[in-house]
Amino acid sequence: MQETRGLELVCPAGTPAALRGAVDAGADSVYCGFSDETNARNFPGLNFTPEELVEGVRYAHAGGARVLVAINTFPRAGAADVWHRAIGHAARAGADAVILADIGLLAYAREKHPDLRRHLSVQAAAANADAIRFYVEEFGVKRVVLPRVLTVAEIAAINREVTCETEVFVFGGLCVMAEGRCSLSSYATGKSPNMNGVCSPASHVQYREEEGELVSRLGEFTIDRVPRHAPAPYPTLCKGCFSAGNYRGHVFEDPVSLDAATLIPQLLQAGVSALKIEGRQRSRSYIRDVVASFRRAVDAQAAGEPIPAGVLQHLSEGQMTTAGAYRKTWR
């Protein structure tokens, strides 16, 4: 991968059209996956064929951007060849890196494609320096995507002890669990983000009116209830409304999006190398608007100018945002 100036802006591309939109809007890198269970955004109508990836890499490189291929689910027993083929497709397409979580796939990529840069997926949930050093020393990992449960101070402490690059999420869906170790979705729906590439899949979502309230359900579970005309949050289990003793509310995190734009200076000071936008399931227009906004924010930081706050609130879940663990501890 060629050197970038300052913070690298890593942007989602769920489709070839979204990839082109992200590159045109100023992405330094785009990340995408194949149309199968090898990536953690395995939804109908999304992702790339091997042929589409070849064309996507060509377009991105012509625009000065890199392509990172997410092969970040965990192989099923007896079916690792599906994941091995995906790594081969990424290498032959000229991808700049693969994003992996499984140690077997990391070992395979190191042995079979030693020149293909390896990034550690957030799905590996490497949240401390000892774990990160293991991946760097054993598998030659060049970058680690950190889980969204760390504070800025914790990120800084990690960066003082590791030699690889670190990448953090700054916008989009907020997973509040130790990613790669969450079984909530598979418990409720039989579909796992870590094995099947889907968390709280839309195929299992239901909305219905009950006694003047709009009830959202995931599988057989009621996740939230809101007044009939109020915005209904998407029924993600970890952002559901829970009752605990006399307390009723969103115990872990509110059903809103992450927006850490104003924390870019602190993240840079903490030693972060790359900023990641979540949203491979989003439309091309959404990608274009979010990437362009963060391009301006990163450039403003580099120029020593103030970073505007809240400009993307209209594109956020529930039209509200949070700084997540960066600024607070979980309830």
Protein backbone atom coordinates (compact mmCIF):
# COMPACT_ATOMS: atom_id res chain seq x y z
CA MET A 1 0.00 0.00 0.00
CA GLN A 2 1.28 3.44 -0.86
CA GLU A 3 1.80 5.99 1.86
CA THR A 4 -1.02 8.36 2.74
CA ARG A 5 -0.87 11.84 4.17
CA GLY A 6 -2.08 11.96 7.74
CA LEU A 7 -5.10 9.91 8.69
CA GLU A 8 -6.34 7.39 6.14
CA LEU A 9 -10.08 7.53 5.43
CA VAL A 10 -11.42 3.97 4.99
CA CYS A 11 -14.88 3.86 3.44
CA PRO A 12 -17.50 1.16 2.81
CA ALA A 13 -18.50 -0.20 -0.58
CA GLY A 14 -21.34 -2.68 -0.58
CA THR A 15 -21.75 -2.55 -4.36
CA PRO A 16 -19.65 -1.54 -7.38
CA ALA A 17 -21.70 1.68 -7.63
CA ALA A 18 -21.01 2.49 -3.98
CA LEU A 19 -17.31 1.84 -4.54
CA ARG A 20 -17.22 4.34 -7.38
CA GLY A 21 -19.16 6.85 -5.26
CA ALA A 22 -16.76 6.47 -2.32
CA VAL A 23 -13.69 6.91 -4.53
CA ASP A 24 -15.18 9.96 -6.24
CA ALA A 25 -16.07 11.50 -2.86
CA GLY A 26 -12.50 11.31 -1.60
CA ALA A 27 -11.94 7.93 0.05
CA ASP A 28 -8.31 6.99 0.64
CA SER A 29 -9.36 3.33 0.82
CA VAL A 30 -12.55 1.37 0.26
CA TYR A 31 -13.43 -1.97 1.80
CA CYS A 32 -15.75 -4.53 0.29
CA GLY A 33 -16.53 -8.24 0.30
CA PHE A 34 -17.65 -11.10 -1.90
CA SER A 35 -21.26 -12.16 -2.46
CA ASP A 36 -21.10 -15.11 -0.08
CA GLU A 37 -20.70 -16.05 3.56
CA THR A 38 -17.03 -15.08 3.71
CA ASN A 39 -17.80 -11.52 4.77
CA ALA A 40 -19.78 -10.09 7.67
CA ARG A 41 -22.22 -8.12 5.52
CA ASN A 42 -23.71 -11.04 3.62
CA PHE A 43 -27.03 -9.49 2.57
CA PRO A 44 -29.05 -10.02 -0.64
CA GLY A 45 -28.17 -7.55 -3.36
CA LEU A 46 -24.85 -6.57 -1.82
CA ASN A 47 -21.20 -7.34 -2.40
CA PHE A 48 -18.99 -8.31 -5.33
CA THR A 49 -18.34 -11.14 -7.72
CA PRO A 50 -14.65 -11.84 -8.41
CA GLU A 51 -15.04 -10.14 -11.78
CA GLU A 52 -16.65 -7.06 -10.22
CA LEU A 53 -13.79 -6.85 -7.73
CA VAL A 54 -11.24 -6.78 -10.56
CA GLU A 55 -13.05 -3.83 -12.12
CA GLY A 56 -13.49 -2.17 -8.73
CA VAL A 57 -9.78 -2.40 -7.98
CA ARG A 58 -9.02 -0.93 -11.38
CA TYR A 59 -11.38 2.00 -10.78
CA ALA A 60 -10.13 2.66 -7.25
CA HIS A 61 -6.47 2.60 -8.24
CA ALA A 62 -7.15 4.95 -11.14
CA GLY A 63 -8.69 7.34 -8.59
CA GLY A 64 -5.77 7.05 -6.18
CA ALA A 65 -7.60 4.84 -3.65
CA ARG A 66 -6.84 1.38 -2.29
CA VAL A 67 -9.13 -1.63 -1.97
CA LEU A 68 -9.32 -3.75 1.18
CA VAL A 69 -11.29 -7.01 0.93
CA ALA A 70 -13.16 -8.17 4.03
CA ILE A 71 -13.01 -11.96 4.40
CA ASN A 72 -13.83 -11.64 8.04
CA THR A 73 -16.25 -14.38 9.03
CA PHE A 74 -15.14 -17.68 10.53
CA PRO A 75 -15.03 -20.75 8.23
CA ARG A 76 -17.43 -23.60 8.76
CA ALA A 77 -15.88 -26.96 9.58
CA GLY A 78 -15.14 -28.82 6.38
CA ALA A 79 -15.77 -25.77 4.16
CA ALA A 80 -12.61 -23.68 4.56
CA ASP A 81 -11.97 -23.95 0.81
CA VAL A 82 -14.72 -21.32 0.26
CA TRP A 83 -12.71 -18.84 2.33
CA HIS A 84 -9.42 -19.91 0.75
CA ARG A 85 -10.82 -19.21 -2.71
CA ALA A 86 -11.94 -15.75 -1.57
CA ILE A 87 -8.39 -14.90 -0.47
CA GLY A 88 -7.10 -16.12 -3.85
CA HIS A 89 -9.67 -14.00 -5.70
CA ALA A 90 -8.63 -10.93 -3.72
CA ALA A 91 -4.95 -11.51 -4.46
CA ARG A 92 -5.51 -12.04 -8.18
CA ALA A 93 -7.71 -8.94 -8.39
CA GLY A 94 -4.85 -6.83 -7.11
CA ALA A 95 -6.44 -5.92 -3.78
CA ASP A 96 -4.20 -3.91 -1.48
CA ALA A 97 -5.06 -5.94 1.63
CA VAL A 98 -7.38 -8.58 3.02
CA ILE A 99 -9.20 -8.09 6.31
CA LEU A 100 -9.22 -11.38 8.22
CA ALA A 101 -10.37 -12.56 11.65
CA ASP A 102 -9.77 -16.32 11.74
CA ILE A 103 -6.27 -17.48 12.70
CA GLY A 104 -6.46 -20.35 10.22
CA LEU A 105 -7.15 -17.92 7.38
CA LEU A 106 -4.38 -15.63 8.57
CA ALA A 107 -1.96 -18.57 8.47
CA TYR A 108 -3.24 -19.60 5.02
CA ALA A 109 -2.85 -16.08 3.61
CA ARG A 110 0.64 -15.73 5.08
CA GLU A 111 1.73 -19.04 3.52
CA LYS A 112 -0.05 -18.95 0.14
CA HIS A 113 -0.05 -15.21 -0.56
CA PRO A 114 2.86 -13.77 1.43
CA ASP A 115 2.89 -10.50 -0.53
CA LEU A 116 -0.78 -9.78 0.18
CA ARG A 117 -1.05 -7.33 3.05
CA ARG A 118 -3.02 -8.66 6.05
CA HIS A 119 -5.27 -6.56 8.30
CA LEU A 120 -6.94 -7.94 11.41
CA SER A 121 -10.71 -7.55 11.36
CA VAL A 122 -12.67 -6.06 14.23
CA GLN A 123 -14.34 -9.49 14.31
CA ALA A 124 -11.19 -10.82 15.98
CA ALA A 125 -11.93 -8.51 18.96
CA ALA A 126 -8.26 -7.79 19.64
CA ALA A 127 -8.63 -5.20 22.39
CA ASN A 128 -5.27 -5.23 24.18
CA ALA A 129 -1.61 -4.97 23.27
CA ASP A 130 -0.74 -8.60 24.07
CA ALA A 131 -3.39 -9.94 21.70
CA ILE A 132 -2.34 -7.55 18.95
CA ARG A 133 1.35 -8.45 19.30
CA PHE A 134 0.41 -12.11 18.86
CA TYR A 135 -1.23 -11.41 15.51
CA VAL A 136 1.64 -9.19 14.39
CA GLU A 137 4.37 -11.66 15.37
CA GLU A 138 2.66 -14.86 14.23
CA PHE A 139 0.88 -13.73 11.07
CA GLY A 140 2.59 -10.53 9.96
CA VAL A 141 -0.51 -8.39 10.47
CA LYS A 142 0.13 -4.79 9.45
CA ARG A 143 -3.04 -3.18 10.80
CA VAL A 144 -5.62 -3.98 13.48
CA VAL A 145 -9.21 -2.70 13.40
CA LEU A 146 -10.01 -2.00 17.04
CA PRO A 147 -13.35 -2.94 18.65
CA ARG A 148 -15.87 -0.16 19.32
CA VAL A 149 -15.76 -0.66 23.09
CA LEU A 150 -12.47 1.15 23.78
CA THR A 151 -12.02 4.65 25.13
CA VAL A 152 -9.61 7.09 23.48
CA ALA A 153 -7.26 6.66 26.46
CA GLU A 154 -7.28 2.88 26.01
CA ILE A 155 -6.55 3.25 22.31
CA ALA A 156 -3.60 5.50 23.13
CA ALA A 157 -2.28 2.97 25.65
CA ILE A 158 -2.47 0.20 23.05
CA ASN A 159 -0.67 2.27 20.42
CA ARG A 160 2.19 2.96 22.81
CA GLU A 161 2.84 -0.79 23.02
CA VAL A 162 2.32 -2.08 19.47
CA THR A 163 4.23 -1.66 16.21
CA CYS A 164 1.36 -2.11 13.74
CA GLU A 165 -1.15 0.45 12.50
CA THR A 166 -4.52 0.78 14.20
CA GLU A 167 -7.85 1.63 12.60
CA VAL A 168 -10.98 2.79 14.43
CA PHE A 169 -14.62 3.32 13.51
CA VAL A 170 -15.80 6.92 13.38
CA PHE A 171 -19.28 6.76 11.85
CA GLY A 172 -22.21 4.41 11.27
CA GLY A 173 -23.69 1.44 13.07
CA LEU A 174 -22.36 0.98 16.59
CA CYS A 175 -21.71 -2.54 17.83
CA VAL A 176 -21.51 -2.40 21.61
CA MET A 177 -20.40 -6.00 22.14
CA ALA A 178 -17.00 -7.69 21.89
CA GLU A 179 -17.23 -8.22 18.17
CA GLY A 180 -16.50 -11.74 17.03
CA ARG A 181 -17.80 -13.12 20.31
CA CYS A 182 -21.45 -12.08 20.21
CA SER A 183 -24.12 -14.78 20.10
CA LEU A 184 -27.23 -12.62 20.56
CA SER A 185 -28.32 -12.65 16.91
CA SER A 186 -27.79 -16.39 16.49
CA TYR A 187 -29.75 -16.99 19.70
CA ALA A 188 -32.74 -15.00 18.44
CA THR A 189 -32.71 -15.82 14.73
CA GLY A 190 -30.36 -18.71 14.08
CA LYS A 191 -28.20 -16.36 11.98
CA SER A 192 -24.81 -15.31 13.30
CA PRO A 193 -22.75 -12.25 12.30
CA ASN A 194 -19.61 -14.24 12.95
CA MET A 195 -20.53 -17.31 10.88
CA ASN A 196 -23.26 -16.21 8.46
CA GLY A 197 -22.39 -12.55 8.09
CA VAL A 198 -25.68 -11.15 9.39
CA CYS A 199 -26.60 -9.44 12.67
CA SER A 200 -30.29 -9.02 13.48
CA PRO A 201 -31.21 -9.76 9.83
CA ALA A 202 -34.10 -7.88 8.23
CA SER A 203 -35.69 -11.19 7.24
CA HIS A 204 -36.50 -11.76 10.93
CA VAL A 205 -37.71 -8.22 11.73
CA GLN A 206 -41.40 -7.48 12.36
CA TYR A 207 -43.25 -4.27 13.23
CA ARG A 208 -46.85 -4.29 14.49
CA GLU A 209 -49.23 -2.08 16.43
CA GLU A 210 -50.34 -3.13 19.90
CA GLU A 211 -52.48 -1.00 22.22
CA GLY A 212 -51.42 2.30 20.69
CA GLU A 213 -47.75 1.39 20.49
CA LEU A 214 -45.53 0.32 17.61
CA VAL A 215 -43.79 -2.88 18.63
CA SER A 216 -40.56 -4.02 16.96
CA ARG A 217 -39.63 -7.68 17.13
CA LEU A 218 -36.67 -9.79 16.10
CA GLY A 219 -37.62 -13.41 15.65
CA GLU A 220 -39.79 -14.29 18.63
CA PHE A 221 -38.47 -11.49 20.82
CA THR A 222 -39.95 -8.06 21.44
CA ILE A 223 -37.05 -5.61 21.25
CA ASP A 224 -38.71 -2.23 21.71
CA ARG A 225 -42.03 -0.40 22.07
CA VAL A 226 -42.59 3.23 21.14
CA PRO A 227 -45.67 5.46 20.80
CA ARG A 228 -47.47 4.85 17.52
CA HIS A 229 -46.19 7.98 15.73
CA ALA A 230 -42.68 8.03 17.20
CA PRO A 231 -39.64 6.89 15.17
CA ALA A 232 -39.22 3.13 15.56
CA PRO A 233 -35.64 2.01 16.12
CA TYR A 234 -34.32 -0.98 14.21
CA PRO A 235 -34.63 -4.05 16.48
CA THR A 236 -30.99 -4.86 17.17
CA LEU A 237 -30.81 -6.96 20.32
CA CYS A 238 -27.98 -5.14 22.08
CA LYS A 239 -29.77 -1.81 21.54
CA GLY A 240 -33.15 -3.05 22.69
CA CYS A 241 -35.21 -1.65 25.53
CA PHE A 242 -34.73 -3.69 28.68
CA SER A 243 -36.28 -3.77 32.14
CA ALA A 244 -33.88 -4.20 35.03
CA GLY A 245 -35.42 -3.81 38.48
CA ASN A 246 -37.25 -0.48 38.44
CA TYR A 247 -35.27 0.76 35.43
CA ARG A 248 -36.59 0.55 31.88
CA GLY A 249 -34.47 1.80 29.01
CA HIS A 250 -31.64 1.11 26.61
CA VAL A 251 -29.25 -0.48 29.05
CA PHE A 252 -26.21 -0.92 26.80
CA GLU A 253 -26.53 1.86 24.22
CA ASP A 254 -29.28 3.90 22.62
CA PRO A 255 -30.44 2.83 19.13
CA VAL A 256 -28.47 5.58 17.40
CA SER A 257 -25.41 5.86 15.17
CA LEU A 258 -21.79 6.49 16.04
CA ASP A 259 -20.37 9.87 15.01
CA ALA A 260 -16.85 10.62 16.22
CA ALA A 261 -16.02 13.38 13.73
CA THR A 262 -15.24 15.91 16.45
CA LEU A 263 -12.90 13.40 18.12
CA ILE A 264 -10.59 13.16 15.10
CA PRO A 265 -7.88 15.33 16.76
CA GLN A 266 -7.90 13.14 19.89
CA LEU A 267 -7.80 9.93 17.84
CA LEU A 268 -4.86 11.24 15.84
CA GLN A 269 -3.07 12.16 19.05
CA ALA A 270 -3.81 8.64 20.36
CA GLY A 271 -1.78 7.22 17.49
CA VAL A 272 -4.56 6.00 15.21
CA SER A 273 -3.58 5.52 11.56
CA ALA A 274 -6.95 5.12 9.87
CA LEU A 275 -10.58 6.17 10.36
CA LYS A 276 -13.28 3.73 9.28
CA ILE A 277 -16.84 4.46 8.20
CA GLU A 278 -19.36 1.64 8.67
CA GLY A 279 -22.12 1.08 6.12
CA ARG A 280 -21.63 -1.48 3.36
CA GLN A 281 -25.39 -2.05 3.39
CA ARG A 282 -26.08 1.62 2.65
CA SER A 283 -27.00 3.28 -0.64
CA ARG A 284 -24.59 4.97 -3.02
CA SER A 285 -25.99 8.41 -2.17
CA TYR A 286 -25.54 7.78 1.57
CA ILE A 287 -21.95 6.67 0.98
CA ARG A 288 -21.24 9.70 -1.18
CA ASP A 289 -22.57 12.15 1.41
CA VAL A 290 -20.89 10.54 4.43
CA VAL A 291 -17.53 10.08 2.71
CA ALA A 292 -17.54 13.66 1.39
CA SER A 293 -18.33 14.96 4.90
CA PHE A 294 -15.51 13.00 6.50
CA ARG A 295 -13.14 13.97 3.70
CA ARG A 296 -13.78 17.58 4.67
CA ALA A 297 -13.36 16.74 8.37
CA VAL A 298 -10.02 14.96 7.87
CA ASP A 299 -8.76 17.75 5.64
CA ALA A 300 -9.87 20.33 8.21
CA GLN A 301 -7.92 18.50 10.90
CA ALA A 302 -4.82 18.45 8.70
CA ALA A 303 -5.19 22.18 8.08
CA GLY A 304 -5.70 22.98 11.76
CA GLU A 305 -9.26 24.14 11.17
CA PRO A 306 -12.31 23.35 13.37
CA ILE A 307 -14.34 20.25 12.57
CA PRO A 308 -18.10 20.90 12.28
CA ALA A 309 -20.33 18.79 14.53
CA GLY A 310 -23.62 17.06 13.78
CA VAL A 311 -23.68 17.62 10.03
CA LEU A 312 -24.64 13.99 9.35
CA GLN A 313 -27.34 13.64 11.99
CA HIS A 314 -30.05 13.37 9.32
CA LEU A 315 -28.33 10.21 8.02
CA SER A 316 -28.02 8.59 11.44
CA GLU A 317 -30.15 5.87 13.00
CA GLY A 318 -33.02 7.62 14.78
CA GLN A 319 -31.53 10.89 13.50
CA MET A 320 -29.39 10.93 16.63
CA THR A 321 -25.74 10.16 17.27
CA THR A 322 -23.43 9.07 20.06
CA ALA A 323 -19.68 9.08 20.65
CA GLY A 324 -20.04 5.59 22.11
CA ALA A 325 -17.24 4.29 24.30
CA TYR A 326 -14.89 7.02 23.11
CA ARG A 327 -16.47 9.44 25.56
CA LYS A 328 -18.32 7.36 28.10
CA THR A 329 -18.46 4.11 29.99
CA TRP A 330 -21.29 1.65 29.41
CA ARG A 331 -24.24 2.01 31.73
